[in-house]
Every structure is written in C-alpha cells, then in structure tokens.
Amino acid sequence: MWYVATYLPVSLVSLKLATATSTGGKALLLPTPYALKMALLNVIIEDGGIDAAKAVWDVLRDARVAIRGPKWIAVNNTFTKILKPKKEKPEFDAETGLTRGMINTIAFREYVQWQGELQIAVHVANDDLPWRRWLTQVNYIGKRGGFMQAIKMPSSVDSLEEGFTELTSASTGFSLFGTMQIMDDCAPKLTFGQVNIYSDERVSRVLRHVSVPYRLESSSRGYSLYCRLD
C-alpha cells in the first residue's frame, strides 16, 4: 500500500548530490529517497525512541519512494563565505593571540524554492505501523533549515495517480525535455548502526539516475527556473 503525504514549503531547500564536496555541487530539484528515509527515521526516534526505530529500520530501508513535485521550481545560484579546516598544521595568529585551525574560503551554493504543493508517496511492506502519523510529522528535508509542512493527513492508496515518479528505481527512458538527477538511496544491507551519527561505521548508499519531469524554462547567472511536464 502507498501512503501519500502532501507538503508545502516553509523555506528554501538545499540538498546536494551525495558525491558533492563541501565547497561546490549543484542542488537537486527534489528530495532523494535517502533524505526522506532519514527524515522519517528521525521522526520515529522522536516518537517512539531508539528501540522503535531499530525495530522498523529494515522496513523503512527497503521502502519504495515516489514523488510528484510542484508546478514550478526556482533555483538560486550564489557564492558564500565559509570556514574550512586548514590542510597544514594550525598557525599562531599574533594579532588575535589565537591558533587558527580554520581558513576563510568561498563556496558555491544553490537554494531551491518549490512553488506549490509537493506530494511524497511511500510504499512499505508492513502496513500495521503508524506511517500516516509519521509522515505528517516530517517537517524538514535535506540540509538544516530546509523546512516544509504537511497540510493534511496522508492518504492510503493501492496504486498511484499519474504524475508520480518513482525514485527507488532507475529510469528506463529519458525524455528530451526532462532533467536527469542522481538520487541516493539506502543500500540493501545498510544497518541501523551505519546510519547512527554516533557510530564510526561507514554509510553505504546506492546511486540511481532518475529522469524527473521538469524542463528548464529560463535561466541567468543568478537563477534557473524549471516547469513540471504534465
């Protein structure tokens, strides 16, 4: 069964490719399965605790995810100042009396604005869990500050309406007017310990090339505007 939740954006969203560096990388137009599953995992931990999250992890990891994005997506291109660790040994700064371990540098950032409703559908193997409540409690996606708000109780359907794009399977065809995105997802054997931020275990992900139904309408040095293909 599919659980379909509808959200409205509260702020700009930034979610880069899994392979992007800290100083550069274009933002994805839509959230990835991995980002959504991590947001749901956070909700489950807050709702029922660590033991509840461990018990449901295998079901959440293997869930299918589909999405129907907003009509318009605007991407803001900008440069910003960031602090970056020095590659060499920290140096003593005589002016401040401090030892500097960080340096100032410039980073490229893209911030995405969804103009309209965003629908996310999740298909799970265990329907006895409160997936509708958990989906309602998801209020962020991607990087910190990318807030969104559920606007109604999620529905449950046997099959999805036309217009949804499944993100947990690679696209078999590519529209000349669509946009290719590299979506990351949980690896089939990813454990709860690996996604634990307090663990030293390395996270294992899979990358899929997915064609999302968006066409570039206009762009300039500072922005790109995409329109959904219906």
C-alpha atoms as a PDB file:
ATOM      1  CA  MET A   1       0.000   0.000   0.000  1.00  0.00           C
ATOM      2  CA  TRP A   2       1.148   3.520  -0.801  1.00  0.00           C
ATOM      3  CA  TYR A   3       0.934   6.325   1.765  1.00  0.00           C
ATOM      4  CA  VAL A   4       0.718   9.731   0.074  1.00  0.00           C
ATOM      5  CA  ALA A   5       1.569  12.898   2.007  1.00  0.00           C
ATOM      6  CA  THR A   6       1.178  16.473   0.757  1.00  0.00           C
ATOM      7  CA  TYR A   7       3.522  19.246   1.874  1.00  0.00           C
ATOM      8  CA  LEU A   8       4.016  22.953   1.348  1.00  0.00           C
ATOM      9  CA  PRO A   9       7.483  24.552   1.568  1.00  0.00           C
ATOM     10  CA  VAL A  10       8.250  26.823   4.502  1.00  0.00           C
ATOM     11  CA  SER A  11      11.735  27.868   3.442  1.00  0.00           C
ATOM     12  CA  LEU A  12      14.294  27.355   0.705  1.00  0.00           C
ATOM     13  CA  VAL A  13      15.757  23.845   0.481  1.00  0.00           C
ATOM     14  CA  SER A  14      19.344  22.792  -0.212  1.00  0.00           C
ATOM     15  CA  LEU A  15      20.174  19.157  -0.952  1.00  0.00           C
ATOM     16  CA  LYS A  16      23.343  18.433  -2.913  1.00  0.00           C
ATOM     17  CA  LEU A  17      24.476  15.263  -4.609  1.00  0.00           C
ATOM     18  CA  ALA A  18      25.924  12.619  -2.309  1.00  0.00           C
ATOM     19  CA  THR A  19      29.225  12.943  -4.201  1.00  0.00           C
ATOM     20  CA  ALA A  20      29.433  16.764  -3.954  1.00  0.00           C
ATOM     21  CA  THR A  21      32.198  18.474  -1.990  1.00  0.00           C
ATOM     22  CA  SER A  22      31.747  20.979   0.830  1.00  0.00           C
ATOM     23  CA  THR A  23      32.756  23.897  -1.415  1.00  0.00           C
ATOM     24  CA  GLY A  24      30.733  23.071  -4.524  1.00  0.00           C
ATOM     25  CA  GLY A  25      27.963  20.999  -6.036  1.00  0.00           C
ATOM     26  CA  LYS A  26      24.607  21.683  -7.671  1.00  0.00           C
ATOM     27  CA  ALA A  27      21.438  21.186  -5.644  1.00  0.00           C
ATOM     28  CA  LEU A  28      18.895  18.511  -6.531  1.00  0.00           C
ATOM     29  CA  LEU A  29      15.463  19.709  -7.626  1.00  0.00           C
ATOM     30  CA  LEU A  30      13.624  17.131  -5.477  1.00  0.00           C
ATOM     31  CA  PRO A  31      14.488  15.229  -2.281  1.00  0.00           C
ATOM     32  CA  THR A  32      16.099  11.807  -2.589  1.00  0.00           C
ATOM     33  CA  PRO A  33      14.831   8.536  -1.077  1.00  0.00           C
ATOM     34  CA  TYR A  34      17.764   8.565   1.354  1.00  0.00           C
ATOM     35  CA  ALA A  35      16.938  12.091   2.575  1.00  0.00           C
ATOM     36  CA  LEU A  36      13.275  11.207   3.102  1.00  0.00           C
ATOM     37  CA  LYS A  37      14.076   7.962   4.926  1.00  0.00           C
ATOM     38  CA  MET A  38      16.473   9.781   7.243  1.00  0.00           C
ATOM     39  CA  ALA A  39      13.805  12.400   7.969  1.00  0.00           C
ATOM     40  CA  LEU A  40      11.304   9.620   8.723  1.00  0.00           C
ATOM     41  CA  LEU A  41      13.854   7.816  10.900  1.00  0.00           C
ATOM     42  CA  ASN A  42      14.336  10.997  12.918  1.00  0.00           C
ATOM     43  CA  VAL A  43      10.561  11.268  13.411  1.00  0.00           C
ATOM     44  CA  ILE A  44      10.300   7.621  14.523  1.00  0.00           C
ATOM     45  CA  ILE A  45      13.097   8.098  17.074  1.00  0.00           C
ATOM     46  CA  GLU A  46      11.413  11.208  18.477  1.00  0.00           C
ATOM     47  CA  ASP A  47       8.023   9.450  18.549  1.00  0.00           C
ATOM     48  CA  GLY A  48       8.955   6.027  19.950  1.00  0.00           C
ATOM     49  CA  GLY A  49      12.637   6.041  20.858  1.00  0.00           C
ATOM     50  CA  ILE A  50      15.714   4.191  19.623  1.00  0.00           C
ATOM     51  CA  ASP A  51      14.238   0.707  20.153  1.00  0.00           C
ATOM     52  CA  ALA A  52      11.207   1.553  17.987  1.00  0.00           C
ATOM     53  CA  ALA A  53      13.487   2.881  15.241  1.00  0.00           C
ATOM     54  CA  LYS A  54      15.657  -0.248  15.320  1.00  0.00           C
ATOM     55  CA  ALA A  55      12.575  -2.470  15.068  1.00  0.00           C
ATOM     56  CA  VAL A  56      11.243  -0.677  11.975  1.00  0.00           C
ATOM     57  CA  TRP A  57      14.544   0.079  10.288  1.00  0.00           C
ATOM     58  CA  ASP A  58      14.567  -2.846   7.839  1.00  0.00           C
ATOM     59  CA  VAL A  59      11.065  -1.937   6.611  1.00  0.00           C
ATOM     60  CA  LEU A  60      11.965   1.735   6.243  1.00  0.00           C
ATOM     61  CA  ARG A  61      15.264   0.974   4.481  1.00  0.00           C
ATOM     62  CA  ASP A  62      13.546  -1.173   1.825  1.00  0.00           C
ATOM     63  CA  ALA A  63      10.576   1.182   1.293  1.00  0.00           C
ATOM     64  CA  ARG A  64       9.760   2.425  -2.205  1.00  0.00           C
ATOM     65  CA  VAL A  65       9.509   6.183  -2.677  1.00  0.00           C
ATOM     66  CA  ALA A  66       7.709   8.158  -5.377  1.00  0.00           C
ATOM     67  CA  ILE A  67       7.233  11.892  -5.738  1.00  0.00           C
ATOM     68  CA  ARG A  68       5.136  14.471  -7.556  1.00  0.00           C
ATOM     69  CA  GLY A  69       6.833  17.830  -7.353  1.00  0.00           C
ATOM     70  CA  PRO A  70       5.362  21.336  -7.514  1.00  0.00           C
ATOM     71  CA  LYS A  71       4.466  23.039 -10.781  1.00  0.00           C
ATOM     72  CA  TRP A  72       7.429  25.435 -10.630  1.00  0.00           C
ATOM     73  CA  ILE A  73      10.900  25.093  -9.121  1.00  0.00           C
ATOM     74  CA  ALA A  74      13.282  28.047  -8.880  1.00  0.00           C
ATOM     75  CA  VAL A  75      16.966  27.522  -8.112  1.00  0.00           C
ATOM     76  CA  ASN A  76      19.004  30.398  -6.674  1.00  0.00           C
ATOM     77  CA  ASN A  77      22.726  30.332  -7.549  1.00  0.00           C
ATOM     78  CA  THR A  78      25.054  32.094  -5.143  1.00  0.00           C
ATOM     79  CA  PHE A  79      28.518  32.196  -3.608  1.00  0.00           C
ATOM     80  CA  THR A  80      29.060  32.462   0.124  1.00  0.00           C
ATOM     81  CA  LYS A  81      31.920  32.665   2.602  1.00  0.00           C
ATOM     82  CA  ILE A  82      32.610  29.548   4.671  1.00  0.00           C
ATOM     83  CA  LEU A  83      35.225  28.327   7.134  1.00  0.00           C
ATOM     84  CA  LYS A  84      37.309  25.347   6.058  1.00  0.00           C
ATOM     85  CA  PRO A  85      39.870  23.331   8.080  1.00  0.00           C
ATOM     86  CA  LYS A  86      43.493  24.091   7.225  1.00  0.00           C
ATOM     87  CA  LYS A  87      45.382  21.306   5.495  1.00  0.00           C
ATOM     88  CA  GLU A  88      48.617  22.275   7.232  1.00  0.00           C
ATOM     89  CA  LYS A  89      49.272  22.496  10.964  1.00  0.00           C
ATOM     90  CA  PRO A  90      47.347  25.291  12.754  1.00  0.00           C
ATOM     91  CA  GLU A  91      49.282  28.561  12.944  1.00  0.00           C
ATOM     92  CA  PHE A  92      49.532  31.085  15.749  1.00  0.00           C
ATOM     93  CA  ASP A  93      47.874  34.426  14.926  1.00  0.00           C
ATOM     94  CA  ALA A  94      49.840  37.202  16.640  1.00  0.00           C
ATOM     95  CA  GLU A  95      47.054  39.771  16.124  1.00  0.00           C
ATOM     96  CA  THR A  96      44.380  37.822  17.991  1.00  0.00           C
ATOM     97  CA  GLY A  97      46.548  35.603  20.179  1.00  0.00           C
ATOM     98  CA  LEU A  98      44.669  32.542  18.871  1.00  0.00           C
ATOM     99  CA  THR A  99      45.764  29.455  16.999  1.00  0.00           C
ATOM    100  CA  ARG A 100      43.918  29.341  13.699  1.00  0.00           C
ATOM    101  CA  GLY A 101      42.834  25.896  12.551  1.00  0.00           C
ATOM    102  CA  MET A 102      40.327  27.209  10.001  1.00  0.00           C
ATOM    103  CA  ILE A 103      40.630  29.417   6.942  1.00  0.00           C
ATOM    104  CA  ASN A 104      38.139  31.602   5.068  1.00  0.00           C
ATOM    105  CA  THR A 105      37.173  30.451   1.583  1.00  0.00           C
ATOM    106  CA  ILE A 106      34.381  30.762  -0.984  1.00  0.00           C
ATOM    107  CA  ALA A 107      31.759  28.071  -1.631  1.00  0.00           C
ATOM    108  CA  PHE A 108      29.138  27.697  -4.363  1.00  0.00           C
ATOM    109  CA  ARG A 109      25.616  27.125  -3.076  1.00  0.00           C
ATOM    110  CA  GLU A 110      22.224  26.558  -4.719  1.00  0.00           C
ATOM    111  CA  TYR A 111      18.959  27.049  -2.844  1.00  0.00           C
ATOM    112  CA  VAL A 112      15.747  25.575  -4.229  1.00  0.00           C
ATOM    113  CA  GLN A 113      12.293  27.142  -3.918  1.00  0.00           C
ATOM    114  CA  TRP A 114       9.277  24.886  -4.507  1.00  0.00           C
ATOM    115  CA  GLN A 115       6.325  26.926  -5.749  1.00  0.00           C
ATOM    116  CA  GLY A 116       3.303  24.776  -4.969  1.00  0.00           C
ATOM    117  CA  GLU A 117       2.417  21.506  -3.292  1.00  0.00           C
ATOM    118  CA  LEU A 118       4.901  18.630  -3.047  1.00  0.00           C
ATOM    119  CA  GLN A 119       3.484  15.088  -2.807  1.00  0.00           C
ATOM    120  CA  ILE A 120       5.605  12.218  -1.450  1.00  0.00           C
ATOM    121  CA  ALA A 121       4.439   8.593  -1.594  1.00  0.00           C
ATOM    122  CA  VAL A 122       5.964   5.752   0.443  1.00  0.00           C
ATOM    123  CA  HIS A 123       5.270   2.036  -0.159  1.00  0.00           C
ATOM    124  CA  VAL A 124       6.153  -0.231   2.781  1.00  0.00           C
ATOM    125  CA  ALA A 125       5.919  -3.954   3.487  1.00  0.00           C
ATOM    126  CA  ASN A 126       4.344  -3.533   6.962  1.00  0.00           C
ATOM    127  CA  ASP A 127       1.063  -1.605   6.995  1.00  0.00           C
ATOM    128  CA  ASP A 128       0.438  -2.137  10.723  1.00  0.00           C
ATOM    129  CA  LEU A 129       2.715   0.743  11.718  1.00  0.00           C
ATOM    130  CA  PRO A 130       1.569   4.403  12.033  1.00  0.00           C
ATOM    131  CA  TRP A 131       3.108   5.581   8.767  1.00  0.00           C
ATOM    132  CA  ARG A 132       0.452   8.237   8.208  1.00  0.00           C
ATOM    133  CA  ARG A 133       1.208   9.874  11.569  1.00  0.00           C
ATOM    134  CA  TRP A 134       4.946   9.700  10.993  1.00  0.00           C
ATOM    135  CA  LEU A 135       4.682  11.257   7.517  1.00  0.00           C
ATOM    136  CA  THR A 136       2.640  14.108   8.975  1.00  0.00           C
ATOM    137  CA  GLN A 137       5.412  14.859  11.478  1.00  0.00           C
ATOM    138  CA  VAL A 138       8.143  15.227   8.841  1.00  0.00           C
ATOM    139  CA  ASN A 139       8.958  18.945   8.769  1.00  0.00           C
ATOM    140  CA  TYR A 140      12.362  19.188   7.118  1.00  0.00           C
ATOM    141  CA  ILE A 141      14.269  17.643   4.228  1.00  0.00           C
ATOM    142  CA  GLY A 142      17.901  17.846   3.172  1.00  0.00           C
ATOM    143  CA  LYS A 143      20.220  20.315   4.883  1.00  0.00           C
ATOM    144  CA  ARG A 144      19.333  22.023   8.147  1.00  0.00           C
ATOM    145  CA  GLY A 145      16.862  24.823   7.541  1.00  0.00           C
ATOM    146  CA  GLY A 146      15.022  23.133   4.660  1.00  0.00           C
ATOM    147  CA  PHE A 147      11.608  23.197   6.332  1.00  0.00           C
ATOM    148  CA  MET A 148       8.268  22.050   4.948  1.00  0.00           C
ATOM    149  CA  GLN A 149       4.835  21.447   6.457  1.00  0.00           C
ATOM    150  CA  ALA A 150       2.255  18.694   5.918  1.00  0.00           C
ATOM    151  CA  ILE A 151      -1.065  20.330   5.054  1.00  0.00           C
ATOM    152  CA  LYS A 152      -3.396  17.350   5.533  1.00  0.00           C
ATOM    153  CA  MET A 153      -3.490  13.776   6.808  1.00  0.00           C
ATOM    154  CA  PRO A 154      -1.753  11.405   4.349  1.00  0.00           C
ATOM    155  CA  SER A 155      -3.990   9.126   2.302  1.00  0.00           C
ATOM    156  CA  SER A 156      -3.505   5.411   1.616  1.00  0.00           C
ATOM    157  CA  VAL A 157      -3.997   4.041  -1.905  1.00  0.00           C
ATOM    158  CA  ASP A 158      -3.310   0.774  -3.725  1.00  0.00           C
ATOM    159  CA  SER A 159      -1.842   2.487  -6.792  1.00  0.00           C
ATOM    160  CA  LEU A 160      -0.544   5.971  -7.504  1.00  0.00           C
ATOM    161  CA  GLU A 161      -2.153   8.524  -9.782  1.00  0.00           C
ATOM    162  CA  GLU A 162      -0.459   9.551 -13.000  1.00  0.00           C
ATOM    163  CA  GLY A 163       2.241  12.136 -12.499  1.00  0.00           C
ATOM    164  CA  PHE A 164       4.282  10.416  -9.784  1.00  0.00           C
ATOM    165  CA  THR A 165       7.914   9.497 -10.453  1.00  0.00           C
ATOM    166  CA  GLU A 166       9.345   6.554  -8.563  1.00  0.00           C
ATOM    167  CA  LEU A 167      12.777   7.413  -7.197  1.00  0.00           C
ATOM    168  CA  THR A 168      13.761   3.966  -5.942  1.00  0.00           C
ATOM    169  CA  SER A 169      14.221   2.547  -9.430  1.00  0.00           C
ATOM    170  CA  ALA A 170      16.415   3.868 -12.216  1.00  0.00           C
ATOM    171  CA  SER A 171      14.662   5.435 -15.211  1.00  0.00           C
ATOM    172  CA  THR A 172      14.440   3.151 -18.241  1.00  0.00           C
ATOM    173  CA  GLY A 173      13.793   6.034 -20.597  1.00  0.00           C
ATOM    174  CA  PHE A 174      14.745   9.695 -20.754  1.00  0.00           C
ATOM    175  CA  SER A 175      12.561  12.464 -22.094  1.00  0.00           C
ATOM    176  CA  LEU A 176      14.292  15.072 -24.240  1.00  0.00           C
ATOM    177  CA  PHE A 177      12.566  17.718 -22.136  1.00  0.00           C
ATOM    178  CA  GLY A 178      13.145  16.086 -18.726  1.00  0.00           C
ATOM    179  CA  THR A 179      16.027  16.577 -16.302  1.00  0.00           C
ATOM    180  CA  MET A 180      18.337  13.790 -15.155  1.00  0.00           C
ATOM    181  CA  GLN A 181      19.052  13.671 -11.431  1.00  0.00           C
ATOM    182  CA  ILE A 182      21.333  11.349  -9.436  1.00  0.00           C
ATOM    183  CA  MET A 183      19.329  10.122  -6.451  1.00  0.00           C
ATOM    184  CA  ASP A 184      20.893   8.356  -3.471  1.00  0.00           C
ATOM    185  CA  ASP A 185      19.136   5.613  -1.508  1.00  0.00           C
ATOM    186  CA  CYS A 186      19.912   3.144   1.274  1.00  0.00           C
ATOM    187  CA  ALA A 187      21.980   0.134   0.219  1.00  0.00           C
ATOM    188  CA  PRO A 188      20.127  -3.217   0.531  1.00  0.00           C
ATOM    189  CA  LYS A 189      22.218  -4.292   3.547  1.00  0.00           C
ATOM    190  CA  LEU A 190      22.549  -0.909   5.259  1.00  0.00           C
ATOM    191  CA  THR A 191      22.295  -1.421   9.020  1.00  0.00           C
ATOM    192  CA  PHE A 192      20.882   0.828  11.712  1.00  0.00           C
ATOM    193  CA  GLY A 193      24.351   1.116  13.203  1.00  0.00           C
ATOM    194  CA  GLN A 194      25.707   2.548   9.960  1.00  0.00           C
ATOM    195  CA  VAL A 195      23.171   5.389   9.863  1.00  0.00           C
ATOM    196  CA  ASN A 196      23.761   6.175  13.537  1.00  0.00           C
ATOM    197  CA  ILE A 197      25.616   9.513  13.532  1.00  0.00           C
ATOM    198  CA  TYR A 198      27.452   8.500  16.721  1.00  0.00           C
ATOM    199  CA  SER A 199      28.876   5.381  15.086  1.00  0.00           C
ATOM    200  CA  ASP A 200      32.191   5.116  13.240  1.00  0.00           C
ATOM    201  CA  GLU A 201      30.665   2.720  10.697  1.00  0.00           C
ATOM    202  CA  ARG A 202      30.575   3.978   7.136  1.00  0.00           C
ATOM    203  CA  VAL A 203      27.217   4.629   5.470  1.00  0.00           C
ATOM    204  CA  SER A 204      26.571   2.539   2.359  1.00  0.00           C
ATOM    205  CA  ARG A 205      24.358   4.113  -0.327  1.00  0.00           C
ATOM    206  CA  VAL A 206      23.337   3.345  -3.887  1.00  0.00           C
ATOM    207  CA  LEU A 207      23.076   5.997  -6.613  1.00  0.00           C
ATOM    208  CA  ARG A 208      20.395   5.900  -9.310  1.00  0.00           C
ATOM    209  CA  HIS A 209      19.945   8.042 -12.416  1.00  0.00           C
ATOM    210  CA  VAL A 210      16.325   9.180 -12.408  1.00  0.00           C
ATOM    211  CA  SER A 211      14.654  11.335 -15.061  1.00  0.00           C
ATOM    212  CA  VAL A 212      12.375  13.863 -13.336  1.00  0.00           C
ATOM    213  CA  PRO A 213       9.659  15.543 -15.428  1.00  0.00           C
ATOM    214  CA  TYR A 214      11.000  19.104 -15.318  1.00  0.00           C
ATOM    215  CA  ARG A 215      12.047  21.346 -18.185  1.00  0.00           C
ATOM    216  CA  LEU A 216      14.353  24.338 -17.885  1.00  0.00           C
ATOM    217  CA  GLU A 217      12.227  27.363 -18.807  1.00  0.00           C
ATOM    218  CA  SER A 218      14.695  30.199 -18.267  1.00  0.00           C
ATOM    219  CA  SER A 219      17.988  30.900 -16.555  1.00  0.00           C
ATOM    220  CA  SER A 220      20.589  33.582 -15.902  1.00  0.00           C
ATOM    221  CA  ARG A 221      23.718  33.996 -13.821  1.00  0.00           C
ATOM    222  CA  GLY A 222      21.704  34.088 -10.599  1.00  0.00           C
ATOM    223  CA  TYR A 223      18.825  31.658 -11.097  1.00  0.00           C
ATOM    224  CA  SER A 224      17.317  28.737 -13.018  1.00  0.00           C
ATOM    225  CA  LEU A 225      13.553  28.219 -13.421  1.00  0.00           C
ATOM    226  CA  TYR A 226      12.073  24.769 -14.078  1.00  0.00           C
ATOM    227  CA  CYS A 227       8.492  23.842 -15.043  1.00  0.00           C
ATOM    228  CA  ARG A 228       6.896  20.459 -14.424  1.00  0.00           C
ATOM    229  CA  LEU A 229       5.891  18.488 -17.534  1.00  0.00           C
ATOM    230  CA  ASP A 230       2.287  17.307 -17.159  1.00  0.00           C
END
